Full PDB file with SEQRES, HELIX, SHEET, SSBOND, CRYST1, ORIGX, SCALE, CONECT and MASTER records, all heavy atoms in Angstrom:
SEQRES   1 A   42  ALA ASN ILE ASN ILE GLY GLY THR ALA ASN TYR ALA PRO          
SEQRES   2 A   42  SER VAL ARG GLY ARG PHE THR ILE SER ARG ASP ASN GLU          
SEQRES   3 A   42  LYS ASN MET VAL TYR LEU GLN MET ASN SER LEU ARG PRO          
SEQRES   4 A   42  GLU ASP THR                                                  
HELIX    1 AA1 PRO A   39  ASP A   41  5                                   3    
SHEET    1 AA1 2 ASN A   2  ILE A   3  0                                        
SHEET    2 AA1 2 ALA A   9  ASN A  10 -1                                        
SHEET    1 AA2 2 PHE A  19  ASP A  24  0                                        
SHEET    2 AA2 2 MET A  29  MET A  34 -1                                        
CRYST1    1.000    1.000    1.000  90.00  90.00  90.00 P 1           1          
ORIGX1      1.000000  0.000000  0.000000        0.00000                         
ORIGX2      0.000000  1.000000  0.000000        0.00000                         
ORIGX3      0.000000  0.000000  1.000000        0.00000                         
SCALE1      1.000000  0.000000  0.000000        0.00000                         
SCALE2      0.000000  1.000000  0.000000        0.00000                         
SCALE3      0.000000  0.000000  1.000000        0.00000                         
ATOM      1  N   ALA A   1       0.844  -1.194   0.006  1.00  0.00           N  
ATOM      2  CA  ALA A   1      -0.010  -0.012  -0.003  1.00  0.00           C  
ATOM      3  C   ALA A   1       0.879   1.231   0.002  1.00  0.00           C  
ATOM      4  O   ALA A   1       2.000   1.187   0.456  1.00  0.00           O  
ATOM      5  CB  ALA A   1      -0.943   0.010   1.210  1.00  0.00           C  
ATOM      6  N   ASN A   2       0.353   2.326  -0.538  1.00  0.00           N  
ATOM      7  CA  ASN A   2       1.028   3.584  -0.423  1.00  0.00           C  
ATOM      8  C   ASN A   2       0.006   4.700  -0.228  1.00  0.00           C  
ATOM      9  O   ASN A   2      -1.179   4.494  -0.453  1.00  0.00           O  
ATOM     10  CB  ASN A   2       1.995   3.895  -1.568  1.00  0.00           C  
ATOM     11  CG  ASN A   2       1.330   3.963  -2.920  1.00  0.00           C  
ATOM     12  OD1 ASN A   2       0.119   4.142  -3.051  1.00  0.00           O  
ATOM     13  ND2 ASN A   2       2.149   3.815  -3.976  1.00  0.00           N  
ATOM     14  N   ILE A   3       0.510   5.879   0.154  1.00  0.00           N  
ATOM     15  CA  ILE A   3      -0.372   6.970   0.452  1.00  0.00           C  
ATOM     16  C   ILE A   3       0.354   8.261   0.159  1.00  0.00           C  
ATOM     17  O   ILE A   3       1.524   8.434   0.505  1.00  0.00           O  
ATOM     18  CB  ILE A   3      -0.864   6.948   1.917  1.00  0.00           C  
ATOM     19  CG1 ILE A   3      -1.895   8.032   2.213  1.00  0.00           C  
ATOM     20  CG2 ILE A   3       0.310   6.960   2.879  1.00  0.00           C  
ATOM     21  CD1 ILE A   3      -2.559   7.894   3.552  1.00  0.00           C  
ATOM     22  N   ASN A   4      -0.307   9.211  -0.528  1.00  0.00           N  
ATOM     23  CA  ASN A   4       0.346  10.439  -0.877  1.00  0.00           C  
ATOM     24  C   ASN A   4       0.057  11.525   0.193  1.00  0.00           C  
ATOM     25  O   ASN A   4      -0.598  11.271   1.182  1.00  0.00           O  
ATOM     26  CB  ASN A   4      -0.060  10.910  -2.259  1.00  0.00           C  
ATOM     27  CG  ASN A   4      -1.530  11.314  -2.414  1.00  0.00           C  
ATOM     28  OD1 ASN A   4      -2.242  11.437  -1.415  1.00  0.00           O  
ATOM     29  ND2 ASN A   4      -2.006  11.441  -3.606  1.00  0.00           N  
ATOM     30  N   ILE A   5       0.648  12.732  -0.039  1.00  0.00           N  
ATOM     31  CA  ILE A   5       0.504  13.771   0.944  1.00  0.00           C  
ATOM     32  C   ILE A   5      -0.947  14.103   1.187  1.00  0.00           C  
ATOM     33  O   ILE A   5      -1.350  14.458   2.321  1.00  0.00           O  
ATOM     34  CB  ILE A   5       1.276  15.028   0.486  1.00  0.00           C  
ATOM     35  CG1 ILE A   5       2.808  14.782   0.556  1.00  0.00           C  
ATOM     36  CG2 ILE A   5       0.875  16.211   1.288  1.00  0.00           C  
ATOM     37  CD1 ILE A   5       3.281  14.661   1.992  1.00  0.00           C  
ATOM     38  N   GLY A   6      -1.774  14.075   0.142  1.00  0.00           N  
ATOM     39  CA  GLY A   6      -3.163  14.388   0.277  1.00  0.00           C  
ATOM     40  C   GLY A   6      -4.025  13.354   0.963  1.00  0.00           C  
ATOM     41  O   GLY A   6      -5.206  13.591   1.238  1.00  0.00           O  
ATOM     42  N   GLY A   7      -3.459  12.170   1.222  1.00  0.00           N  
ATOM     43  CA  GLY A   7      -4.180  11.110   1.893  1.00  0.00           C  
ATOM     44  C   GLY A   7      -4.786  10.076   0.977  1.00  0.00           C  
ATOM     45  O   GLY A   7      -5.505   9.169   1.493  1.00  0.00           O  
ATOM     46  N   THR A   8      -4.540  10.158  -0.300  1.00  0.00           N  
ATOM     47  CA  THR A   8      -5.056   9.136  -1.221  1.00  0.00           C  
ATOM     48  C   THR A   8      -4.234   7.855  -1.121  1.00  0.00           C  
ATOM     49  O   THR A   8      -3.019   7.912  -1.293  1.00  0.00           O  
ATOM     50  CB  THR A   8      -5.053   9.650  -2.655  1.00  0.00           C  
ATOM     51  OG1 THR A   8      -5.893  10.816  -2.766  1.00  0.00           O  
ATOM     52  CG2 THR A   8      -5.574   8.585  -3.617  1.00  0.00           C  
ATOM     53  N   ALA A   9      -4.906   6.756  -0.854  1.00  0.00           N  
ATOM     54  CA  ALA A   9      -4.226   5.522  -0.658  1.00  0.00           C  
ATOM     55  C   ALA A   9      -4.466   4.516  -1.821  1.00  0.00           C  
ATOM     56  O   ALA A   9      -5.496   4.546  -2.448  1.00  0.00           O  
ATOM     57  CB  ALA A   9      -4.648   4.874   0.652  1.00  0.00           C  
ATOM     58  N   ASN A  10      -3.498   3.634  -2.052  1.00  0.00           N  
ATOM     59  CA  ASN A  10      -3.604   2.572  -3.001  1.00  0.00           C  
ATOM     60  C   ASN A  10      -3.242   1.277  -2.319  1.00  0.00           C  
ATOM     61  O   ASN A  10      -2.325   1.245  -1.489  1.00  0.00           O  
ATOM     62  CB  ASN A  10      -2.677   2.786  -4.213  1.00  0.00           C  
ATOM     63  CG  ASN A  10      -3.015   4.045  -4.956  1.00  0.00           C  
ATOM     64  OD1 ASN A  10      -4.045   4.117  -5.664  1.00  0.00           O  
ATOM     65  ND2 ASN A  10      -2.173   5.063  -4.864  1.00  0.00           N  
ATOM     66  N   TYR A  11      -3.910   0.188  -2.681  1.00  0.00           N  
ATOM     67  CA  TYR A  11      -3.672  -1.108  -2.059  1.00  0.00           C  
ATOM     68  C   TYR A  11      -3.495  -2.197  -3.100  1.00  0.00           C  
ATOM     69  O   TYR A  11      -4.119  -2.163  -4.141  1.00  0.00           O  
ATOM     70  CB  TYR A  11      -4.856  -1.474  -1.140  1.00  0.00           C  
ATOM     71  CG  TYR A  11      -5.066  -0.546   0.020  1.00  0.00           C  
ATOM     72  CD1 TYR A  11      -5.942   0.501  -0.098  1.00  0.00           C  
ATOM     73  CD2 TYR A  11      -4.404  -0.787   1.223  1.00  0.00           C  
ATOM     74  CE1 TYR A  11      -6.148   1.368   1.008  1.00  0.00           C  
ATOM     75  CE2 TYR A  11      -4.616   0.076   2.290  1.00  0.00           C  
ATOM     76  CZ  TYR A  11      -5.479   1.146   2.183  1.00  0.00           C  
ATOM     77  OH  TYR A  11      -5.698   1.978   3.246  1.00  0.00           O  
ATOM     78  N   ALA A  12      -2.642  -3.154  -2.779  1.00  0.00           N  
ATOM     79  CA  ALA A  12      -2.598  -4.331  -3.571  1.00  0.00           C  
ATOM     80  C   ALA A  12      -3.894  -5.120  -3.420  1.00  0.00           C  
ATOM     81  O   ALA A  12      -4.505  -5.150  -2.388  1.00  0.00           O  
ATOM     82  CB  ALA A  12      -1.420  -5.231  -3.121  1.00  0.00           C  
ATOM     83  N   PRO A  13      -4.330  -5.759  -4.511  1.00  0.00           N  
ATOM     84  CA  PRO A  13      -5.610  -6.491  -4.421  1.00  0.00           C  
ATOM     85  C   PRO A  13      -5.651  -7.519  -3.332  1.00  0.00           C  
ATOM     86  O   PRO A  13      -6.738  -7.735  -2.713  1.00  0.00           O  
ATOM     87  CB  PRO A  13      -5.728  -7.166  -5.806  1.00  0.00           C  
ATOM     88  CG  PRO A  13      -4.928  -6.271  -6.717  1.00  0.00           C  
ATOM     89  CD  PRO A  13      -3.814  -5.782  -5.896  1.00  0.00           C  
ATOM     90  N   SER A  14      -4.544  -8.137  -2.983  1.00  0.00           N  
ATOM     91  CA  SER A  14      -4.508  -9.186  -1.974  1.00  0.00           C  
ATOM     92  C   SER A  14      -4.764  -8.660  -0.563  1.00  0.00           C  
ATOM     93  O   SER A  14      -5.061  -9.451   0.329  1.00  0.00           O  
ATOM     94  CB  SER A  14      -3.182  -9.920  -2.040  1.00  0.00           C  
ATOM     95  OG  SER A  14      -2.068  -9.006  -1.807  1.00  0.00           O  
ATOM     96  N   VAL A  15      -4.580  -7.369  -0.334  1.00  0.00           N  
ATOM     97  CA  VAL A  15      -4.768  -6.810   0.994  1.00  0.00           C  
ATOM     98  C   VAL A  15      -5.894  -5.839   1.119  1.00  0.00           C  
ATOM     99  O   VAL A  15      -6.283  -5.445   2.239  1.00  0.00           O  
ATOM    100  CB  VAL A  15      -3.466  -6.136   1.519  1.00  0.00           C  
ATOM    101  CG1 VAL A  15      -2.286  -7.070   1.380  1.00  0.00           C  
ATOM    102  CG2 VAL A  15      -3.202  -4.831   0.773  1.00  0.00           C  
ATOM    103  N   ARG A  16      -6.478  -5.478  -0.002  1.00  0.00           N  
ATOM    104  CA  ARG A  16      -7.590  -4.492   0.011  1.00  0.00           C  
ATOM    105  C   ARG A  16      -8.741  -5.033   0.853  1.00  0.00           C  
ATOM    106  O   ARG A  16      -9.187  -6.149   0.685  1.00  0.00           O  
ATOM    107  CB  ARG A  16      -8.028  -4.163  -1.419  1.00  0.00           C  
ATOM    108  CG  ARG A  16      -9.039  -3.030  -1.506  1.00  0.00           C  
ATOM    109  CD  ARG A  16      -9.360  -2.644  -2.948  1.00  0.00           C  
ATOM    110  NE  ARG A  16      -8.195  -2.073  -3.614  1.00  0.00           N  
ATOM    111  CZ  ARG A  16      -7.567  -2.655  -4.663  1.00  0.00           C  
ATOM    112  NH1 ARG A  16      -7.975  -3.839  -5.105  1.00  0.00           N  
ATOM    113  NH2 ARG A  16      -6.519  -2.087  -5.199  1.00  0.00           N  
ATOM    114  N   GLY A  17      -9.216  -4.192   1.751  1.00  0.00           N  
ATOM    115  CA  GLY A  17     -10.322  -4.565   2.650  1.00  0.00           C  
ATOM    116  C   GLY A  17      -9.804  -5.143   3.944  1.00  0.00           C  
ATOM    117  O   GLY A  17     -10.597  -5.232   4.882  1.00  0.00           O  
ATOM    118  N   ARG A  18      -8.546  -5.516   4.027  1.00  0.00           N  
ATOM    119  CA  ARG A  18      -7.967  -6.049   5.273  1.00  0.00           C  
ATOM    120  C   ARG A  18      -6.972  -5.115   5.899  1.00  0.00           C  
ATOM    121  O   ARG A  18      -6.856  -5.053   7.133  1.00  0.00           O  
ATOM    122  CB  ARG A  18      -7.290  -7.400   4.989  1.00  0.00           C  
ATOM    123  CG  ARG A  18      -8.273  -8.456   4.486  1.00  0.00           C  
ATOM    124  CD  ARG A  18      -7.566  -9.845   4.396  1.00  0.00           C  
ATOM    125  NE  ARG A  18      -6.419  -9.828   3.465  1.00  0.00           N  
ATOM    126  CZ  ARG A  18      -5.154 -10.148   3.827  1.00  0.00           C  
ATOM    127  NH1 ARG A  18      -4.885 -10.489   5.067  1.00  0.00           N  
ATOM    128  NH2 ARG A  18      -4.203 -10.126   2.915  1.00  0.00           N  
ATOM    129  N   PHE A  19      -6.192  -4.421   5.063  1.00  0.00           N  
ATOM    130  CA  PHE A  19      -5.136  -3.508   5.565  1.00  0.00           C  
ATOM    131  C   PHE A  19      -5.578  -2.056   5.361  1.00  0.00           C  
ATOM    132  O   PHE A  19      -6.285  -1.723   4.382  1.00  0.00           O  
ATOM    133  CB  PHE A  19      -3.835  -3.740   4.820  1.00  0.00           C  
ATOM    134  CG  PHE A  19      -3.177  -5.043   5.043  1.00  0.00           C  
ATOM    135  CD1 PHE A  19      -3.782  -6.061   5.779  1.00  0.00           C  
ATOM    136  CD2 PHE A  19      -1.924  -5.295   4.501  1.00  0.00           C  
ATOM    137  CE1 PHE A  19      -3.152  -7.261   5.998  1.00  0.00           C  
ATOM    138  CE2 PHE A  19      -1.282  -6.540   4.698  1.00  0.00           C  
ATOM    139  CZ  PHE A  19      -1.893  -7.513   5.461  1.00  0.00           C  
ATOM    140  N   THR A  20      -5.105  -1.191   6.230  1.00  0.00           N  
ATOM    141  CA  THR A  20      -5.340   0.229   6.122  1.00  0.00           C  
ATOM    142  C   THR A  20      -4.064   1.011   6.348  1.00  0.00           C  
ATOM    143  O   THR A  20      -3.423   0.823   7.356  1.00  0.00           O  
ATOM    144  CB  THR A  20      -6.399   0.729   7.133  1.00  0.00           C  
ATOM    145  OG1 THR A  20      -7.629  -0.007   6.913  1.00  0.00           O  
ATOM    146  CG2 THR A  20      -6.693   2.191   6.915  1.00  0.00           C  
ATOM    147  N   ILE A  21      -3.698   1.851   5.405  1.00  0.00           N  
ATOM    148  CA  ILE A  21      -2.537   2.665   5.516  1.00  0.00           C  
ATOM    149  C   ILE A  21      -2.943   4.065   5.931  1.00  0.00           C  
ATOM    150  O   ILE A  21      -3.984   4.558   5.485  1.00  0.00           O  
ATOM    151  CB  ILE A  21      -1.697   2.685   4.231  1.00  0.00           C  
ATOM    152  CG1 ILE A  21      -0.366   3.374   4.451  1.00  0.00           C  
ATOM    153  CG2 ILE A  21      -2.476   3.357   3.112  1.00  0.00           C  
ATOM    154  CD1 ILE A  21       0.601   3.240   3.266  1.00  0.00           C  
ATOM    155  N   SER A  22      -2.160   4.688   6.772  1.00  0.00           N  
ATOM    156  CA  SER A  22      -2.408   6.078   7.211  1.00  0.00           C  
ATOM    157  C   SER A  22      -1.104   6.767   7.454  1.00  0.00           C  
ATOM    158  O   SER A  22      -0.051   6.106   7.574  1.00  0.00           O  
ATOM    159  CB  SER A  22      -3.323   6.090   8.448  1.00  0.00           C  
ATOM    160  OG  SER A  22      -2.695   5.416   9.511  1.00  0.00           O  
ATOM    161  N   ARG A  23      -1.123   8.056   7.580  1.00  0.00           N  
ATOM    162  CA  ARG A  23       0.116   8.810   7.834  1.00  0.00           C  
ATOM    163  C   ARG A  23      -0.173  10.035   8.703  1.00  0.00           C  
ATOM    164  O   ARG A  23      -1.317  10.549   8.685  1.00  0.00           O  
ATOM    165  CB  ARG A  23       0.840   9.231   6.540  1.00  0.00           C  
ATOM    166  CG  ARG A  23       0.080  10.270   5.711  1.00  0.00           C  
ATOM    167  CD  ARG A  23       0.703  10.426   4.319  1.00  0.00           C  
ATOM    168  NE  ARG A  23       2.067  11.019   4.467  1.00  0.00           N  
ATOM    169  CZ  ARG A  23       2.913  11.158   3.423  1.00  0.00           C  
ATOM    170  NH1 ARG A  23       2.530  10.729   2.202  1.00  0.00           N  
ATOM    171  NH2 ARG A  23       4.113  11.693   3.576  1.00  0.00           N  
ATOM    172  N   ASP A  24       0.835  10.489   9.405  1.00  0.00           N  
ATOM    173  CA  ASP A  24       0.775  11.686  10.187  1.00  0.00           C  
ATOM    174  C   ASP A  24       1.926  12.533   9.709  1.00  0.00           C  
ATOM    175  O   ASP A  24       3.081  12.317  10.063  1.00  0.00           O  
ATOM    176  CB  ASP A  24       0.887  11.365  11.665  1.00  0.00           C  
ATOM    177  CG  ASP A  24       0.681  12.564  12.542  1.00  0.00           C  
ATOM    178  OD1 ASP A  24       1.021  13.709  12.156  1.00  0.00           O  
ATOM    179  OD2 ASP A  24       0.130  12.410  13.704  1.00  0.00           O  
ATOM    180  N   ASN A  25       1.621  13.537   8.911  1.00  0.00           N  
ATOM    181  CA  ASN A  25       2.665  14.379   8.320  1.00  0.00           C  
ATOM    182  C   ASN A  25       3.405  15.197   9.380  1.00  0.00           C  
ATOM    183  O   ASN A  25       4.594  15.443   9.254  1.00  0.00           O  
ATOM    184  CB  ASN A  25       2.048  15.327   7.270  1.00  0.00           C  
ATOM    185  CG  ASN A  25       1.581  14.562   6.059  1.00  0.00           C  
ATOM    186  OD1 ASN A  25       2.106  13.501   5.705  1.00  0.00           O  
ATOM    187  ND2 ASN A  25       0.573  15.123   5.371  1.00  0.00           N  
ATOM    188  N   GLU A  26       2.710  15.632  10.401  1.00  0.00           N  
ATOM    189  CA  GLU A  26       3.341  16.415  11.476  1.00  0.00           C  
ATOM    190  C   GLU A  26       4.358  15.556  12.260  1.00  0.00           C  
ATOM    191  O   GLU A  26       5.423  16.054  12.637  1.00  0.00           O  
ATOM    192  CB  GLU A  26       2.263  16.967  12.439  1.00  0.00           C  
ATOM    193  CG  GLU A  26       2.869  17.864  13.562  1.00  0.00           C  
ATOM    194  CD  GLU A  26       1.817  18.429  14.432  1.00  0.00           C  
ATOM    195  OE1 GLU A  26       0.596  18.242  14.148  1.00  0.00           O  
ATOM    196  OE2 GLU A  26       2.157  19.089  15.433  1.00  0.00           O  
ATOM    197  N   LYS A  27       4.015  14.305  12.475  1.00  0.00           N  
ATOM    198  CA  LYS A  27       4.916  13.421  13.205  1.00  0.00           C  
ATOM    199  C   LYS A  27       5.872  12.675  12.308  1.00  0.00           C  
ATOM    200  O   LYS A  27       6.714  11.910  12.779  1.00  0.00           O  
ATOM    201  CB  LYS A  27       4.105  12.390  14.015  1.00  0.00           C  
ATOM    202  CG  LYS A  27       3.274  13.031  15.107  1.00  0.00           C  
ATOM    203  CD  LYS A  27       2.528  12.008  15.942  1.00  0.00           C  
ATOM    204  CE  LYS A  27       1.741  12.609  17.037  1.00  0.00           C  
ATOM    205  NZ  LYS A  27       0.960  11.596  17.824  1.00  0.00           N  
ATOM    206  N   ASN A  28       5.724  12.821  11.003  1.00  0.00           N  
ATOM    207  CA  ASN A  28       6.591  12.155  10.020  1.00  0.00           C  
ATOM    208  C   ASN A  28       6.502  10.627  10.168  1.00  0.00           C  
ATOM    209  O   ASN A  28       7.551   9.965  10.212  1.00  0.00           O  
ATOM    210  CB  ASN A  28       8.013  12.668  10.134  1.00  0.00           C  
ATOM    211  CG  ASN A  28       8.134  14.166   9.898  1.00  0.00           C  
ATOM    212  OD1 ASN A  28       7.516  14.711   8.990  1.00  0.00           O  
ATOM    213  ND2 ASN A  28       8.887  14.810  10.774  1.00  0.00           N  
ATOM    214  N   MET A  29       5.328  10.120  10.286  1.00  0.00           N  
ATOM    215  CA  MET A  29       5.113   8.689  10.449  1.00  0.00           C  
ATOM    216  C   MET A  29       4.095   8.159   9.484  1.00  0.00           C  
ATOM    217  O   MET A  29       3.167   8.870   9.107  1.00  0.00           O  
ATOM    218  CB  MET A  29       4.719   8.354  11.887  1.00  0.00           C  
ATOM    219  CG  MET A  29       5.782   8.753  12.907  1.00  0.00           C  
ATOM    220  SD  MET A  29       5.460   8.085  14.554  1.00  0.00           S  
ATOM    221  CE  MET A  29       5.770   6.312  14.247  1.00  0.00           C  
ATOM    222  N   VAL A  30       4.226   6.896   9.146  1.00  0.00           N  
ATOM    223  CA  VAL A  30       3.220   6.184   8.365  1.00  0.00           C  
ATOM    224  C   VAL A  30       2.937   4.870   9.049  1.00  0.00           C  
ATOM    225  O   VAL A  30       3.810   4.259   9.669  1.00  0.00           O  
ATOM    226  CB  VAL A  30       3.722   5.977   6.893  1.00  0.00           C  
ATOM    227  CG1 VAL A  30       4.956   5.100   6.872  1.00  0.00           C  
ATOM    228  CG2 VAL A  30       2.611   5.388   6.034  1.00  0.00           C  
ATOM    229  N   TYR A  31       1.668   4.427   8.954  1.00  0.00           N  
ATOM    230  CA  TYR A  31       1.231   3.243   9.671  1.00  0.00           C  
ATOM    231  C   TYR A  31       0.576   2.264   8.732  1.00  0.00           C  
ATOM    232  O   TYR A  31       0.056   2.640   7.668  1.00  0.00           O  
ATOM    233  CB  TYR A  31       0.249   3.609  10.772  1.00  0.00           C  
ATOM    234  CG  TYR A  31       0.737   4.725  11.694  1.00  0.00           C  
ATOM    235  CD1 TYR A  31       0.422   6.029  11.428  1.00  0.00           C  
ATOM    236  CD2 TYR A  31       1.481   4.421  12.825  1.00  0.00           C  
ATOM    237  CE1 TYR A  31       0.841   7.046  12.277  1.00  0.00           C  
ATOM    238  CE2 TYR A  31       1.924   5.415  13.665  1.00  0.00           C  
ATOM    239  CZ  TYR A  31       1.611   6.717  13.398  1.00  0.00           C  
ATOM    240  OH  TYR A  31       2.029   7.757  14.200  1.00  0.00           O  
ATOM    241  N   LEU A  32       0.575   0.994   9.122  1.00  0.00           N  
ATOM    242  CA  LEU A  32      -0.164  -0.004   8.371  1.00  0.00           C  
ATOM    243  C   LEU A  32      -0.914  -0.866   9.392  1.00  0.00           C  
ATOM    244  O   LEU A  32      -0.274  -1.654  10.126  1.00  0.00           O  
ATOM    245  CB  LEU A  32       0.814  -0.872   7.554  1.00  0.00           C  
ATOM    246  CG  LEU A  32       0.110  -1.881   6.605  1.00  0.00           C  
ATOM    247  CD1 LEU A  32      -0.668  -1.166   5.495  1.00  0.00           C  
ATOM    248  CD2 LEU A  32       1.127  -2.855   5.999  1.00  0.00           C  
ATOM    249  N   GLN A  33      -2.234  -0.749   9.397  1.00  0.00           N  
ATOM    250  CA  GLN A  33      -3.056  -1.591  10.229  1.00  0.00           C  
ATOM    251  C   GLN A  33      -3.352  -2.851   9.420  1.00  0.00           C  
ATOM    252  O   GLN A  33      -3.966  -2.733   8.337  1.00  0.00           O  
ATOM    253  CB  GLN A  33      -4.326  -0.870  10.651  1.00  0.00           C  
ATOM    254  CG  GLN A  33      -5.291  -1.700  11.474  1.00  0.00           C  
ATOM    255  CD  GLN A  33      -4.711  -2.043  12.843  1.00  0.00           C  
ATOM    256  OE1 GLN A  33      -4.173  -1.178  13.489  1.00  0.00           O  
ATOM    257  NE2 GLN A  33      -4.828  -3.307  13.228  1.00  0.00           N  
ATOM    258  N   MET A  34      -3.021  -3.995   9.964  1.00  0.00           N  
ATOM    259  CA  MET A  34      -3.180  -5.265   9.286  1.00  0.00           C  
ATOM    260  C   MET A  34      -4.158  -6.127  10.060  1.00  0.00           C  
ATOM    261  O   MET A  34      -3.881  -6.569  11.174  1.00  0.00           O  
ATOM    262  CB  MET A  34      -1.828  -5.974   9.143  1.00  0.00           C  
ATOM    263  CG  MET A  34      -0.717  -5.079   8.575  1.00  0.00           C  
ATOM    264  SD  MET A  34       0.974  -5.762   8.813  1.00  0.00           S  
ATOM    265  CE  MET A  34       0.876  -7.163   7.700  1.00  0.00           C  
ATOM    266  N   ASN A  35      -5.301  -6.391   9.453  1.00  0.00           N  
ATOM    267  CA  ASN A  35      -6.319  -7.247  10.052  1.00  0.00           C  
ATOM    268  C   ASN A  35      -6.550  -8.522   9.246  1.00  0.00           C  
ATOM    269  O   ASN A  35      -6.180  -8.588   8.073  1.00  0.00           O  
ATOM    270  CB  ASN A  35      -7.650  -6.450  10.162  1.00  0.00           C  
ATOM    271  CG  ASN A  35      -7.550  -5.233  11.022  1.00  0.00           C  
ATOM    272  OD1 ASN A  35      -6.798  -5.221  12.024  1.00  0.00           O  
ATOM    273  ND2 ASN A  35      -8.290  -4.211  10.654  1.00  0.00           N  
ATOM    274  N   SER A  36      -7.172  -9.481   9.861  1.00  0.00           N  
ATOM    275  CA  SER A  36      -7.518 -10.770   9.201  1.00  0.00           C  
ATOM    276  C   SER A  36      -6.255 -11.316   8.495  1.00  0.00           C  
ATOM    277  O   SER A  36      -6.349 -11.733   7.350  1.00  0.00           O  
ATOM    278  CB  SER A  36      -8.628 -10.541   8.193  1.00  0.00           C  
ATOM    279  OG  SER A  36      -9.804 -10.039   8.808  1.00  0.00           O  
ATOM    280  N   LEU A  37      -5.189 -11.380   9.228  1.00  0.00           N  
ATOM    281  CA  LEU A  37      -3.906 -11.821   8.638  1.00  0.00           C  
ATOM    282  C   LEU A  37      -3.986 -13.281   8.233  1.00  0.00           C  
ATOM    283  O   LEU A  37      -4.603 -14.137   8.872  1.00  0.00           O  
ATOM    284  CB  LEU A  37      -2.782 -11.599   9.635  1.00  0.00           C  
ATOM    285  CG  LEU A  37      -2.324 -10.128   9.760  1.00  0.00           C  
ATOM    286  CD1 LEU A  37      -1.501  -9.933  11.018  1.00  0.00           C  
ATOM    287  CD2 LEU A  37      -1.504  -9.760   8.521  1.00  0.00           C  
ATOM    288  N   ARG A  38      -3.308 -13.576   7.148  1.00  0.00           N  
ATOM    289  CA  ARG A  38      -3.241 -14.926   6.573  1.00  0.00           C  
ATOM    290  C   ARG A  38      -1.804 -15.390   6.525  1.00  0.00           C  
ATOM    291  O   ARG A  38      -0.854 -14.557   6.483  1.00  0.00           O  
ATOM    292  CB  ARG A  38      -3.822 -14.905   5.163  1.00  0.00           C  
ATOM    293  CG  ARG A  38      -5.239 -14.334   5.056  1.00  0.00           C  
ATOM    294  CD  ARG A  38      -5.619 -14.038   3.622  1.00  0.00           C  
ATOM    295  NE  ARG A  38      -6.941 -13.511   3.515  1.00  0.00           N  
ATOM    296  CZ  ARG A  38      -7.468 -12.988   2.379  1.00  0.00           C  
ATOM    297  NH1 ARG A  38      -6.714 -12.945   1.280  1.00  0.00           N  
ATOM    298  NH2 ARG A  38      -8.685 -12.551   2.376  1.00  0.00           N  
ATOM    299  N   PRO A  39      -1.559 -16.699   6.481  1.00  0.00           N  
ATOM    300  CA  PRO A  39      -0.178 -17.180   6.350  1.00  0.00           C  
ATOM    301  C   PRO A  39       0.573 -16.609   5.179  1.00  0.00           C  
ATOM    302  O   PRO A  39       1.760 -16.393   5.259  1.00  0.00           O  
ATOM    303  CB  PRO A  39      -0.369 -18.697   6.242  1.00  0.00           C  
ATOM    304  CG  PRO A  39      -1.644 -18.969   6.974  1.00  0.00           C  
ATOM    305  CD  PRO A  39      -2.531 -17.779   6.682  1.00  0.00           C  
ATOM    306  N   GLU A  40      -0.134 -16.372   4.065  1.00  0.00           N  
ATOM    307  CA  GLU A  40       0.533 -15.816   2.894  1.00  0.00           C  
ATOM    308  C   GLU A  40       0.952 -14.339   3.051  1.00  0.00           C  
ATOM    309  O   GLU A  40       1.619 -13.780   2.206  1.00  0.00           O  
ATOM    310  CB  GLU A  40      -0.346 -15.976   1.665  1.00  0.00           C  
ATOM    311  CG  GLU A  40      -1.788 -15.443   1.803  1.00  0.00           C  
ATOM    312  CD  GLU A  40      -2.774 -16.544   2.214  1.00  0.00           C  
ATOM    313  OE1 GLU A  40      -2.390 -17.415   3.023  1.00  0.00           O  
ATOM    314  OE2 GLU A  40      -3.891 -16.526   1.691  1.00  0.00           O  
ATOM    315  N   ASP A  41       0.534 -13.741   4.169  1.00  0.00           N  
ATOM    316  CA  ASP A  41       1.009 -12.384   4.466  1.00  0.00           C  
ATOM    317  C   ASP A  41       2.390 -12.409   5.102  1.00  0.00           C  
ATOM    318  O   ASP A  41       2.980 -11.313   5.323  1.00  0.00           O  
ATOM    319  CB  ASP A  41       0.054 -11.680   5.419  1.00  0.00           C  
ATOM    320  CG  ASP A  41      -1.302 -11.380   4.769  1.00  0.00           C  
ATOM    321  OD1 ASP A  41      -1.361 -11.011   3.591  1.00  0.00           O  
ATOM    322  OD2 ASP A  41      -2.355 -11.563   5.476  1.00  0.00           O  
ATOM    323  N   THR A  42       2.910 -13.565   5.437  1.00  0.00           N  
ATOM    324  CA  THR A  42       4.221 -13.675   6.055  1.00  0.00           C  
ATOM    325  C   THR A  42       5.291 -13.114   5.102  1.00  0.00           C  
ATOM    326  O   THR A  42       5.409 -13.549   3.986  1.00  0.00           O  
ATOM    327  CB  THR A  42       4.534 -15.152   6.374  1.00  0.00           C  
ATOM    328  OG1 THR A  42       3.592 -15.634   7.331  1.00  0.00           O  
ATOM    329  CG2 THR A  42       5.928 -15.280   6.929  1.00  0.00           C  
TER     330      THR A  42                                                      
MASTER        0    0    0    1    4    0    0    6  329    1    0    4          
END                                                                             
């Protein structure tokens, strides 16, 4: 997944609906919330 300065995110089909990317520009951080994890996510 990636996310631009404006907050627009893109996801790989295999993770769409399960993962969420977000960022905090003030803190200079990016996050990836990963739910419903599968062995193939290893």
